[in-house]
Amino acid sequence: MKTLIMVRCLKECLLRAKKILKGMKIDMITERLEINRITPNDKEDYFRNISNDKKVLETFVCTYAESLEKFDFDPYLKMENLFAIRIKETGKLIGIILYFDNNGESCEIGYGIGSEYWNKGYATEAVAAFIEYCFYDLNLKKVYASYFTGNDSSKKVMKKCGMTYDRFVEKEFEYLGEERDLTYYVIER
């Protein structure tokens, strides 16, 4: 058993070293995921799993892209607060997570996972790691997240990560041609 654990640890260290040597800084690692900066090589996966996935766009605010050729990926590469959620074994981008409205004390986070990867625990795993990043790397005291009314899956993710109900805001903003209600959850360090 000890040998198996040592082999797993060694494989993980080698995988991490290879990626660091390739210039891909690893920010967060979970059991199955790596969460790190978006790179130019992520364009196709980002397009497929976020910007062109209509199921994702029903629950996550993002501009729809009709084709890869017309997809303007450059603005995402410039965002310091945007991270890729990757399958650890392959490095494939399956989603994104970001923070915004950072006021030095708190921030809000948002996340989107390609619909092909829903209901596999990836969002919960990524959000839990990202909350830790916000607390210990960004030194924040509170982290907020919100979901559109009816998105019970996102509500479950927030609860599983220890977040609690904060407030409900009716018709907070317009998205996809309709006014949307948001429910906010929060966790404190």
N, C-alpha and C. Protein backbone atom coordinates (compact mmCIF):
# COMPACT_ATOMS: atom_id res chain seq x y z
N MET A 1 0.82 -1.20 0.00
CA MET A 1 0.00 0.00 0.00
C MET A 1 0.87 1.26 0.00
N LYS A 2 1.91 1.26 0.85
CA LYS A 2 2.81 2.42 0.92
C LYS A 2 3.49 2.65 -0.42
N THR A 3 3.86 1.57 -1.10
CA THR A 3 4.51 1.69 -2.40
C THR A 3 3.57 2.33 -3.41
N LEU A 4 2.30 1.92 -3.40
CA LEU A 4 1.31 2.49 -4.31
C LEU A 4 1.15 3.99 -4.07
N ILE A 5 1.09 4.39 -2.83
CA ILE A 5 0.95 5.81 -2.49
C ILE A 5 2.19 6.58 -2.94
N MET A 6 3.37 6.00 -2.73
CA MET A 6 4.61 6.66 -3.15
C MET A 6 4.66 6.81 -4.67
N VAL A 7 4.22 5.78 -5.40
CA VAL A 7 4.22 5.84 -6.86
C VAL A 7 3.26 6.93 -7.33
N ARG A 8 2.07 7.00 -6.73
CA ARG A 8 1.11 8.06 -7.09
C ARG A 8 1.71 9.45 -6.85
N CYS A 9 2.33 9.63 -5.69
CA CYS A 9 2.94 10.92 -5.36
C CYS A 9 4.04 11.27 -6.36
N LEU A 10 4.86 10.29 -6.71
CA LEU A 10 5.93 10.51 -7.66
C LEU A 10 5.38 10.89 -9.03
N LYS A 11 4.33 10.18 -9.49
CA LYS A 11 3.70 10.50 -10.78
C LYS A 11 3.16 11.92 -10.77
N GLU A 12 2.52 12.30 -9.67
CA GLU A 12 1.96 13.65 -9.58
C GLU A 12 3.06 14.70 -9.59
N CYS A 13 4.15 14.44 -8.90
CA CYS A 13 5.29 15.38 -8.89
C CYS A 13 5.89 15.52 -10.29
N LEU A 14 6.03 14.40 -11.01
CA LEU A 14 6.58 14.45 -12.36
C LEU A 14 5.65 15.20 -13.31
N LEU A 15 4.34 14.96 -13.20
CA LEU A 15 3.38 15.67 -14.03
C LEU A 15 3.46 17.17 -13.77
N ARG A 16 3.52 17.54 -12.52
CA ARG A 16 3.62 18.96 -12.15
C ARG A 16 4.92 19.56 -12.68
N ALA A 17 6.03 18.85 -12.54
CA ALA A 17 7.32 19.35 -13.01
C ALA A 17 7.31 19.56 -14.53
N LYS A 18 6.72 18.61 -15.28
CA LYS A 18 6.62 18.75 -16.73
C LYS A 18 5.86 20.02 -17.12
N LYS A 19 4.76 20.26 -16.43
CA LYS A 19 3.94 21.41 -16.77
C LYS A 19 4.64 22.71 -16.39
N ILE A 20 5.36 22.71 -15.30
CA ILE A 20 6.10 23.91 -14.91
C ILE A 20 7.21 24.18 -15.93
N LEU A 21 7.88 23.13 -16.38
CA LEU A 21 8.93 23.29 -17.38
C LEU A 21 8.37 23.81 -18.71
N LYS A 22 7.13 23.45 -19.01
CA LYS A 22 6.48 23.94 -20.23
C LYS A 22 6.02 25.39 -20.07
N GLY A 23 6.17 25.96 -18.88
CA GLY A 23 5.78 27.35 -18.66
C GLY A 23 4.37 27.51 -18.16
N MET A 24 3.70 26.43 -17.79
CA MET A 24 2.33 26.50 -17.29
C MET A 24 2.37 26.51 -15.77
N LYS A 25 2.20 27.68 -15.18
CA LYS A 25 2.22 27.79 -13.73
C LYS A 25 0.96 27.15 -13.15
N ILE A 26 1.15 26.29 -12.17
CA ILE A 26 0.02 25.63 -11.54
C ILE A 26 -0.32 26.39 -10.26
N ASP A 27 -1.55 26.87 -10.15
CA ASP A 27 -1.95 27.64 -9.00
C ASP A 27 -2.64 26.81 -7.93
N MET A 28 -3.51 25.88 -8.33
CA MET A 28 -4.25 25.06 -7.38
C MET A 28 -4.37 23.65 -7.93
N ILE A 29 -4.23 22.67 -7.04
CA ILE A 29 -4.38 21.27 -7.44
C ILE A 29 -5.34 20.61 -6.46
N THR A 30 -6.30 19.86 -7.01
CA THR A 30 -7.22 19.08 -6.19
C THR A 30 -7.00 17.60 -6.55
N GLU A 31 -7.85 16.76 -6.07
CA GLU A 31 -7.71 15.34 -6.35
C GLU A 31 -7.73 15.05 -7.85
N ARG A 32 -8.64 15.73 -8.59
CA ARG A 32 -8.79 15.44 -10.02
C ARG A 32 -8.52 16.62 -10.93
N LEU A 33 -8.32 17.81 -10.35
CA LEU A 33 -8.25 19.03 -11.16
C LEU A 33 -6.99 19.84 -10.91
N GLU A 34 -6.67 20.66 -11.90
CA GLU A 34 -5.70 21.75 -11.77
C GLU A 34 -6.45 23.03 -12.12
N ILE A 35 -6.18 24.06 -11.38
CA ILE A 35 -6.80 25.36 -11.64
C ILE A 35 -5.66 26.35 -11.80
N ASN A 36 -5.55 26.88 -13.01
CA ASN A 36 -4.44 27.79 -13.30
C ASN A 36 -4.84 28.77 -14.40
N ARG A 37 -3.90 29.60 -14.79
CA ARG A 37 -4.18 30.66 -15.76
C ARG A 37 -4.58 30.11 -17.13
N ILE A 38 -5.40 30.85 -17.80
CA ILE A 38 -5.78 30.57 -19.18
C ILE A 38 -4.54 30.79 -20.06
N THR A 39 -4.35 29.93 -21.06
CA THR A 39 -3.24 30.09 -22.00
C THR A 39 -3.77 30.15 -23.43
N PRO A 40 -2.97 30.62 -24.37
CA PRO A 40 -3.42 30.65 -25.77
C PRO A 40 -3.85 29.28 -26.29
N ASN A 41 -3.28 28.21 -25.76
CA ASN A 41 -3.63 26.86 -26.21
C ASN A 41 -5.03 26.42 -25.76
N ASP A 42 -5.68 27.21 -24.91
CA ASP A 42 -7.00 26.85 -24.38
C ASP A 42 -8.16 27.30 -25.27
N LYS A 43 -7.88 27.99 -26.34
CA LYS A 43 -8.94 28.62 -27.13
C LYS A 43 -10.02 27.62 -27.56
N GLU A 44 -9.64 26.51 -28.12
CA GLU A 44 -10.62 25.55 -28.64
C GLU A 44 -11.47 24.94 -27.51
N ASP A 45 -10.84 24.55 -26.40
CA ASP A 45 -11.58 23.98 -25.27
C ASP A 45 -12.49 25.02 -24.63
N TYR A 46 -12.00 26.25 -24.52
CA TYR A 46 -12.82 27.33 -23.95
C TYR A 46 -14.05 27.56 -24.83
N PHE A 47 -13.82 27.61 -26.12
CA PHE A 47 -14.93 27.79 -27.07
C PHE A 47 -15.94 26.66 -26.91
N ARG A 48 -15.48 25.42 -26.94
CA ARG A 48 -16.37 24.26 -26.91
C ARG A 48 -17.12 24.15 -25.57
N ASN A 49 -16.43 24.36 -24.46
CA ASN A 49 -17.01 24.10 -23.14
C ASN A 49 -17.68 25.30 -22.49
N ILE A 50 -17.43 26.50 -23.00
CA ILE A 50 -18.04 27.68 -22.39
C ILE A 50 -18.79 28.51 -23.44
N SER A 51 -18.07 29.16 -24.31
CA SER A 51 -18.67 30.16 -25.20
C SER A 51 -19.61 29.61 -26.26
N ASN A 52 -19.50 28.33 -26.60
CA ASN A 52 -20.38 27.75 -27.61
C ASN A 52 -21.33 26.71 -27.02
N ASP A 53 -21.30 26.54 -25.72
CA ASP A 53 -22.16 25.57 -25.03
C ASP A 53 -23.40 26.30 -24.52
N LYS A 54 -24.50 26.17 -25.25
CA LYS A 54 -25.72 26.93 -24.90
C LYS A 54 -26.27 26.56 -23.52
N LYS A 55 -26.07 25.33 -23.08
CA LYS A 55 -26.52 24.95 -21.73
C LYS A 55 -25.76 25.73 -20.67
N VAL A 56 -24.47 25.90 -20.88
CA VAL A 56 -23.65 26.67 -19.94
C VAL A 56 -24.11 28.12 -19.93
N LEU A 57 -24.36 28.67 -21.10
CA LEU A 57 -24.73 30.08 -21.21
C LEU A 57 -26.09 30.39 -20.59
N GLU A 58 -26.91 29.39 -20.32
CA GLU A 58 -28.17 29.61 -19.61
C GLU A 58 -27.94 29.89 -18.13
N THR A 59 -26.79 29.44 -17.61
CA THR A 59 -26.52 29.55 -16.17
C THR A 59 -25.30 30.40 -15.84
N PHE A 60 -24.49 30.73 -16.83
CA PHE A 60 -23.24 31.46 -16.61
C PHE A 60 -23.18 32.61 -17.61
N VAL A 61 -22.93 33.81 -17.13
CA VAL A 61 -22.92 34.99 -17.99
C VAL A 61 -21.65 35.02 -18.84
N CYS A 62 -21.84 34.88 -20.14
CA CYS A 62 -20.73 34.88 -21.09
C CYS A 62 -21.31 35.17 -22.48
N THR A 63 -20.49 35.71 -23.34
CA THR A 63 -20.92 36.01 -24.70
C THR A 63 -20.87 34.74 -25.54
N TYR A 64 -21.96 34.45 -26.24
CA TYR A 64 -22.04 33.29 -27.11
C TYR A 64 -21.16 33.50 -28.34
N ALA A 65 -20.45 32.46 -28.75
CA ALA A 65 -19.63 32.50 -29.96
C ALA A 65 -20.15 31.43 -30.92
N GLU A 66 -20.48 31.84 -32.13
CA GLU A 66 -21.06 30.94 -33.13
C GLU A 66 -20.04 29.97 -33.71
N SER A 67 -18.81 30.48 -33.95
CA SER A 67 -17.79 29.62 -34.55
C SER A 67 -16.43 29.91 -33.92
N LEU A 68 -15.55 28.94 -33.99
CA LEU A 68 -14.21 29.10 -33.45
C LEU A 68 -13.45 30.20 -34.18
N GLU A 69 -13.67 30.31 -35.48
CA GLU A 69 -12.98 31.32 -36.28
C GLU A 69 -13.36 32.74 -35.86
N LYS A 70 -14.60 32.94 -35.44
CA LYS A 70 -15.07 34.27 -35.05
C LYS A 70 -14.93 34.53 -33.54
N PHE A 71 -14.50 33.53 -32.80
CA PHE A 71 -14.38 33.64 -31.35
C PHE A 71 -13.17 34.48 -30.98
N ASP A 72 -13.42 35.63 -30.32
CA ASP A 72 -12.35 36.52 -29.88
C ASP A 72 -11.88 36.09 -28.49
N PHE A 73 -10.79 35.37 -28.44
CA PHE A 73 -10.26 34.79 -27.21
C PHE A 73 -9.31 35.73 -26.47
N ASP A 74 -8.75 36.71 -27.16
CA ASP A 74 -7.74 37.59 -26.58
C ASP A 74 -8.16 38.28 -25.28
N PRO A 75 -9.39 38.80 -25.17
CA PRO A 75 -9.75 39.45 -23.90
C PRO A 75 -9.65 38.52 -22.69
N TYR A 76 -9.93 37.24 -22.88
CA TYR A 76 -9.87 36.29 -21.77
C TYR A 76 -8.44 36.04 -21.33
N LEU A 77 -7.52 36.07 -22.29
CA LEU A 77 -6.10 35.87 -21.96
C LEU A 77 -5.55 37.01 -21.11
N LYS A 78 -6.14 38.17 -21.21
CA LYS A 78 -5.66 39.35 -20.48
C LYS A 78 -6.24 39.46 -19.07
N MET A 79 -7.21 38.64 -18.75
CA MET A 79 -7.87 38.73 -17.44
C MET A 79 -7.04 38.03 -16.36
N GLU A 80 -6.51 38.79 -15.44
CA GLU A 80 -5.70 38.24 -14.35
C GLU A 80 -6.53 37.47 -13.33
N ASN A 81 -7.83 37.70 -13.33
CA ASN A 81 -8.72 37.08 -12.34
C ASN A 81 -9.46 35.85 -12.88
N LEU A 82 -9.11 35.41 -14.07
CA LEU A 82 -9.77 34.28 -14.73
C LEU A 82 -8.84 33.08 -14.76
N PHE A 83 -9.37 31.92 -14.36
CA PHE A 83 -8.58 30.71 -14.27
C PHE A 83 -9.26 29.57 -15.04
N ALA A 84 -8.44 28.69 -15.57
CA ALA A 84 -8.94 27.48 -16.23
C ALA A 84 -9.13 26.39 -15.19
N ILE A 85 -10.20 25.63 -15.35
CA ILE A 85 -10.41 24.41 -14.57
C ILE A 85 -10.05 23.27 -15.52
N ARG A 86 -9.04 22.49 -15.14
CA ARG A 86 -8.53 21.46 -16.03
C ARG A 86 -8.59 20.07 -15.38
N ILE A 87 -8.76 19.07 -16.21
CA ILE A 87 -8.60 17.69 -15.76
C ILE A 87 -7.10 17.50 -15.52
N LYS A 88 -6.75 17.08 -14.32
CA LYS A 88 -5.34 17.00 -13.93
C LYS A 88 -4.54 16.07 -14.84
N GLU A 89 -5.09 14.92 -15.18
CA GLU A 89 -4.35 13.93 -15.96
C GLU A 89 -4.05 14.38 -17.39
N THR A 90 -4.94 15.18 -17.97
CA THR A 90 -4.79 15.55 -19.38
C THR A 90 -4.45 17.02 -19.61
N GLY A 91 -4.75 17.88 -18.64
CA GLY A 91 -4.55 19.32 -18.81
C GLY A 91 -5.67 19.97 -19.60
N LYS A 92 -6.68 19.21 -19.99
CA LYS A 92 -7.79 19.73 -20.80
C LYS A 92 -8.65 20.70 -19.99
N LEU A 93 -8.93 21.87 -20.57
CA LEU A 93 -9.82 22.85 -19.95
C LEU A 93 -11.26 22.37 -20.08
N ILE A 94 -11.93 22.22 -18.94
CA ILE A 94 -13.34 21.80 -18.94
C ILE A 94 -14.24 22.90 -18.41
N GLY A 95 -13.64 23.97 -17.88
CA GLY A 95 -14.43 25.06 -17.34
C GLY A 95 -13.54 26.21 -16.92
N ILE A 96 -14.18 27.21 -16.35
CA ILE A 96 -13.45 28.40 -15.88
C ILE A 96 -14.00 28.82 -14.53
N ILE A 97 -13.17 29.56 -13.81
CA ILE A 97 -13.57 30.13 -12.53
C ILE A 97 -12.87 31.47 -12.39
N LEU A 98 -13.55 32.43 -11.81
CA LEU A 98 -12.96 33.76 -11.68
C LEU A 98 -13.45 34.44 -10.41
N TYR A 99 -12.72 35.48 -10.03
CA TYR A 99 -13.18 36.35 -8.94
C TYR A 99 -13.34 37.75 -9.51
N PHE A 100 -14.24 38.52 -8.89
CA PHE A 100 -14.46 39.90 -9.30
C PHE A 100 -15.00 40.68 -8.11
N ASP A 101 -15.11 41.98 -8.26
CA ASP A 101 -15.55 42.86 -7.18
C ASP A 101 -14.71 42.66 -5.92
N ASN A 102 -13.39 42.51 -6.12
CA ASN A 102 -12.47 42.35 -4.99
C ASN A 102 -12.24 43.73 -4.38
N ASN A 103 -12.71 43.91 -3.15
CA ASN A 103 -12.54 45.20 -2.48
C ASN A 103 -11.48 45.16 -1.37
N GLY A 104 -10.70 44.09 -1.35
CA GLY A 104 -9.67 43.93 -0.33
C GLY A 104 -10.15 43.16 0.90
N GLU A 105 -11.45 43.11 1.09
CA GLU A 105 -12.05 42.36 2.21
C GLU A 105 -12.83 41.15 1.71
N SER A 106 -13.46 41.31 0.53
CA SER A 106 -14.31 40.24 -0.01
C SER A 106 -14.29 40.30 -1.53
N CYS A 107 -14.82 39.25 -2.13
CA CYS A 107 -14.97 39.21 -3.58
C CYS A 107 -16.16 38.31 -3.89
N GLU A 108 -16.56 38.35 -5.15
CA GLU A 108 -17.55 37.39 -5.63
C GLU A 108 -16.83 36.47 -6.61
N ILE A 109 -17.24 35.21 -6.62
CA ILE A 109 -16.67 34.27 -7.59
C ILE A 109 -17.77 33.82 -8.54
N GLY A 110 -17.35 33.42 -9.73
CA GLY A 110 -18.26 32.85 -10.71
C GLY A 110 -17.56 31.67 -11.36
N TYR A 111 -18.33 30.72 -11.83
CA TYR A 111 -17.73 29.52 -12.42
C TYR A 111 -18.66 28.94 -13.47
N GLY A 112 -18.06 28.30 -14.45
CA GLY A 112 -18.82 27.62 -15.49
C GLY A 112 -18.06 26.36 -15.89
N ILE A 113 -18.78 25.27 -16.01
CA ILE A 113 -18.22 23.98 -16.42
C ILE A 113 -18.96 23.54 -17.67
N GLY A 114 -18.23 23.04 -18.66
CA GLY A 114 -18.88 22.53 -19.87
C GLY A 114 -19.93 21.49 -19.52
N SER A 115 -21.09 21.55 -20.17
CA SER A 115 -22.22 20.68 -19.81
C SER A 115 -21.87 19.19 -19.91
N GLU A 116 -20.92 18.85 -20.74
CA GLU A 116 -20.46 17.46 -20.85
C GLU A 116 -19.88 16.96 -19.51
N TYR A 117 -19.46 17.88 -18.65
CA TYR A 117 -18.80 17.54 -17.39
C TYR A 117 -19.68 17.80 -16.16
N TRP A 118 -20.95 18.11 -16.37
CA TRP A 118 -21.86 18.36 -15.26
C TRP A 118 -22.13 17.07 -14.48
N ASN A 119 -22.51 17.26 -13.22
CA ASN A 119 -22.92 16.16 -12.34
C ASN A 119 -21.81 15.12 -12.10
N LYS A 120 -20.59 15.60 -12.08
CA LYS A 120 -19.45 14.71 -11.80
C LYS A 120 -18.63 15.21 -10.61
N GLY A 121 -19.11 16.29 -9.96
CA GLY A 121 -18.42 16.84 -8.80
C GLY A 121 -17.29 17.80 -9.11
N TYR A 122 -17.05 18.07 -10.39
CA TYR A 122 -15.95 18.96 -10.75
C TYR A 122 -16.17 20.40 -10.24
N ALA A 123 -17.38 20.91 -10.36
CA ALA A 123 -17.64 22.28 -9.91
C ALA A 123 -17.40 22.41 -8.41
N THR A 124 -17.89 21.46 -7.63
CA THR A 124 -17.70 21.50 -6.19
C THR A 124 -16.22 21.45 -5.84
N GLU A 125 -15.49 20.58 -6.50
CA GLU A 125 -14.05 20.44 -6.25
C GLU A 125 -13.31 21.74 -6.59
N ALA A 126 -13.66 22.36 -7.72
CA ALA A 126 -13.00 23.60 -8.14
C ALA A 126 -13.37 24.76 -7.23
N VAL A 127 -14.65 24.90 -6.90
CA VAL A 127 -15.09 26.01 -6.04
C VAL A 127 -14.46 25.91 -4.66
N ALA A 128 -14.40 24.73 -4.09
CA ALA A 128 -13.79 24.56 -2.76
C ALA A 128 -12.32 25.01 -2.79
N ALA A 129 -11.58 24.60 -3.82
CA ALA A 129 -10.17 25.01 -3.94
C ALA A 129 -10.05 26.51 -4.16
N PHE A 130 -10.96 27.07 -4.95
CA PHE A 130 -10.89 28.50 -5.27
C PHE A 130 -11.23 29.36 -4.06
N ILE A 131 -12.14 28.91 -3.23
CA ILE A 131 -12.44 29.62 -1.99
C ILE A 131 -11.18 29.69 -1.13
N GLU A 132 -10.48 28.57 -1.03
CA GLU A 132 -9.22 28.54 -0.27
C GLU A 132 -8.21 29.53 -0.87
N TYR A 133 -8.13 29.58 -2.18
CA TYR A 133 -7.25 30.53 -2.87
C TYR A 133 -7.63 31.96 -2.49
N CYS A 134 -8.90 32.26 -2.52
CA CYS A 134 -9.37 33.61 -2.17
C CYS A 134 -9.03 33.97 -0.73
N PHE A 135 -9.17 33.02 0.18
CA PHE A 135 -8.88 33.27 1.59
C PHE A 135 -7.38 33.40 1.85
N TYR A 136 -6.60 32.47 1.33
CA TYR A 136 -5.20 32.39 1.75
C TYR A 136 -4.20 33.00 0.79
N ASP A 137 -4.53 33.08 -0.50
CA ASP A 137 -3.62 33.74 -1.44
C ASP A 137 -4.00 35.21 -1.64
N LEU A 138 -5.30 35.48 -1.72
CA LEU A 138 -5.77 36.86 -1.88
C LEU A 138 -6.01 37.53 -0.53
N ASN A 139 -5.98 36.73 0.54
CA ASN A 139 -6.14 37.22 1.92
C ASN A 139 -7.49 37.92 2.14
N LEU A 140 -8.55 37.37 1.58
CA LEU A 140 -9.89 37.93 1.75
C LEU A 140 -10.58 37.28 2.94
N LYS A 141 -11.56 37.99 3.48
CA LYS A 141 -12.29 37.49 4.66
C LYS A 141 -13.63 36.86 4.28
N LYS A 142 -14.21 37.29 3.16
CA LYS A 142 -15.50 36.76 2.71
C LYS A 142 -15.46 36.48 1.22
N VAL A 143 -16.17 35.44 0.82
CA VAL A 143 -16.32 35.11 -0.59
C VAL A 143 -17.81 34.90 -0.86
N TYR A 144 -18.31 35.61 -1.87
CA TYR A 144 -19.71 35.51 -2.27
C TYR A 144 -19.79 34.76 -3.60
N ALA A 145 -20.93 34.17 -3.86
CA ALA A 145 -21.25 33.58 -5.16
C ALA A 145 -22.76 33.73 -5.34
N SER A 146 -23.21 33.75 -6.59
CA SER A 146 -24.65 33.88 -6.84
C SER A 146 -25.05 32.93 -7.95
N TYR A 147 -26.35 32.67 -7.99
CA TYR A 147 -26.88 31.83 -9.06
C TYR A 147 -28.23 32.35 -9.49
N PHE A 148 -28.57 32.08 -10.76
CA PHE A 148 -29.88 32.44 -11.28
C PHE A 148 -30.94 31.57 -10.63
N THR A 149 -32.10 32.17 -10.36
CA THR A 149 -33.22 31.40 -9.82
C THR A 149 -33.47 30.19 -10.71
N GLY A 150 -33.61 29.04 -10.10
CA GLY A 150 -33.85 27.81 -10.84
C GLY A 150 -32.61 26.98 -11.07
N ASN A 151 -31.42 27.54 -10.84
CA ASN A 151 -30.18 26.79 -11.04
C ASN A 151 -29.82 26.07 -9.73
N ASP A 152 -30.59 25.05 -9.41
CA ASP A 152 -30.40 24.33 -8.16
C ASP A 152 -29.05 23.61 -8.08
N SER A 153 -28.48 23.26 -9.21
CA SER A 153 -27.17 22.60 -9.20
C SER A 153 -26.11 23.52 -8.63
N SER A 154 -26.14 24.79 -9.03
CA SER A 154 -25.16 25.74 -8.51
C SER A 154 -25.40 26.00 -7.02
N LYS A 155 -26.65 26.04 -6.63
CA LYS A 155 -26.97 26.20 -5.21
C LYS A 155 -26.37 25.04 -4.40
N LYS A 156 -26.48 23.83 -4.92
CA LYS A 156 -25.92 22.66 -4.23
C LYS A 156 -24.40 22.75 -4.12
N VAL A 157 -23.75 23.22 -5.19
CA VAL A 157 -22.30 23.39 -5.16
C VAL A 157 -21.92 24.34 -4.02
N MET A 158 -22.61 25.47 -3.94
CA MET A 158 -22.30 26.45 -2.91
C MET A 158 -22.48 25.88 -1.50
N LYS A 159 -23.58 25.17 -1.31
CA LYS A 159 -23.83 24.57 0.00
C LYS A 159 -22.78 23.52 0.35
N LYS A 160 -22.41 22.67 -0.60
CA LYS A 160 -21.40 21.64 -0.36
C LYS A 160 -20.05 22.26 0.00
N CYS A 161 -19.81 23.47 -0.47
CA CYS A 161 -18.55 24.17 -0.19
C CYS A 161 -18.62 24.97 1.11
N GLY A 162 -19.71 24.84 1.86
CA GLY A 162 -19.83 25.51 3.15
C GLY A 162 -20.41 26.90 3.10
N MET A 163 -20.88 27.32 1.94
CA MET A 163 -21.47 28.66 1.81
C MET A 163 -22.89 28.63 2.36
N THR A 164 -23.33 29.77 2.87
CA THR A 164 -24.68 29.90 3.42
C THR A 164 -25.43 31.03 2.73
N TYR A 165 -26.74 30.95 2.79
CA TYR A 165 -27.60 31.95 2.15
C TYR A 165 -27.27 33.34 2.68
N ASP A 166 -27.18 34.30 1.77
CA ASP A 166 -26.93 35.70 2.15
C ASP A 166 -28.12 36.59 1.81
N ARG A 167 -28.56 36.56 0.54
CA ARG A 167 -29.66 37.44 0.15
C ARG A 167 -30.19 37.05 -1.23
N PHE A 168 -31.40 37.53 -1.51
CA PHE A 168 -32.06 37.34 -2.80
C PHE A 168 -32.27 38.72 -3.40
N VAL A 169 -31.92 38.88 -4.67
CA VAL A 169 -32.11 40.16 -5.35
C VAL A 169 -32.98 39.91 -6.59
N GLU A 170 -34.17 40.51 -6.57
CA GLU A 170 -35.10 40.34 -7.68
C GLU A 170 -34.69 41.23 -8.85
N LYS A 171 -34.71 40.64 -10.03
CA LYS A 171 -34.43 41.36 -11.28
C LYS A 171 -33.14 42.18 -11.19
N GLU A 172 -32.06 41.52 -10.79
CA GLU A 172 -30.77 42.20 -10.61
C GLU A 172 -30.23 42.75 -11.92
N PHE A 173 -30.34 41.98 -13.02
CA PHE A 173 -29.89 42.50 -14.30
C PHE A 173 -30.52 41.71 -15.43
N GLU A 174 -30.36 42.22 -16.64
CA GLU A 174 -30.93 41.58 -17.81
C GLU A 174 -29.87 40.71 -18.49
N TYR A 175 -30.26 39.48 -18.83
CA TYR A 175 -29.37 38.56 -19.51
C TYR A 175 -30.21 37.67 -20.42
N LEU A 176 -29.77 37.50 -21.63
CA LEU A 176 -30.48 36.71 -22.65
C LEU A 176 -31.91 37.18 -22.83
N GLY A 177 -32.09 38.48 -22.79
CA GLY A 177 -33.38 39.08 -23.07
C GLY A 177 -34.40 39.05 -21.95
N GLU A 178 -34.00 38.69 -20.76
CA GLU A 178 -34.96 38.70 -19.65
C GLU A 178 -34.29 39.18 -18.36
N GLU A 179 -35.09 39.75 -17.49
CA GLU A 179 -34.58 40.18 -16.20
C GLU A 179 -34.37 38.96 -15.32
N ARG A 180 -33.23 38.89 -14.66
CA ARG A 180 -32.85 37.72 -13.88
C ARG A 180 -32.77 38.02 -12.40
N ASP A 181 -33.30 37.10 -11.60
CA ASP A 181 -33.17 37.16 -10.15
C ASP A 181 -31.89 36.41 -9.77
N LEU A 182 -31.23 36.91 -8.73
CA LEU A 182 -30.03 36.25 -8.24
C LEU A 182 -30.17 35.94 -6.75
N THR A 183 -29.68 34.78 -6.37
CA THR A 183 -29.59 34.41 -4.96
C THR A 183 -28.11 34.34 -4.62
N TYR A 184 -27.72 35.04 -3.55
CA TYR A 184 -26.33 35.10 -3.13
C TYR A 184 -26.08 34.19 -1.94
N TYR A 185 -24.92 33.54 -1.97
CA TYR A 185 -24.42 32.77 -0.84
C TYR A 185 -23.06 33.35 -0.45
N VAL A 186 -22.65 33.10 0.78
CA VAL A 186 -21.40 33.67 1.29
C VAL A 186 -20.72 32.66 2.21
N ILE A 187 -19.41 32.78 2.30
CA ILE A 187 -18.62 32.03 3.28
C ILE A 187 -17.59 32.99 3.85
N GLU A 188 -17.35 32.87 5.16
CA GLU A 188 -16.37 33.72 5.82
C GLU A 188 -15.21 32.87 6.30
N ARG A 189 -14.04 33.48 6.30
CA ARG A 189 -12.85 32.78 6.76
C ARG A 189 -12.84 32.68 8.27
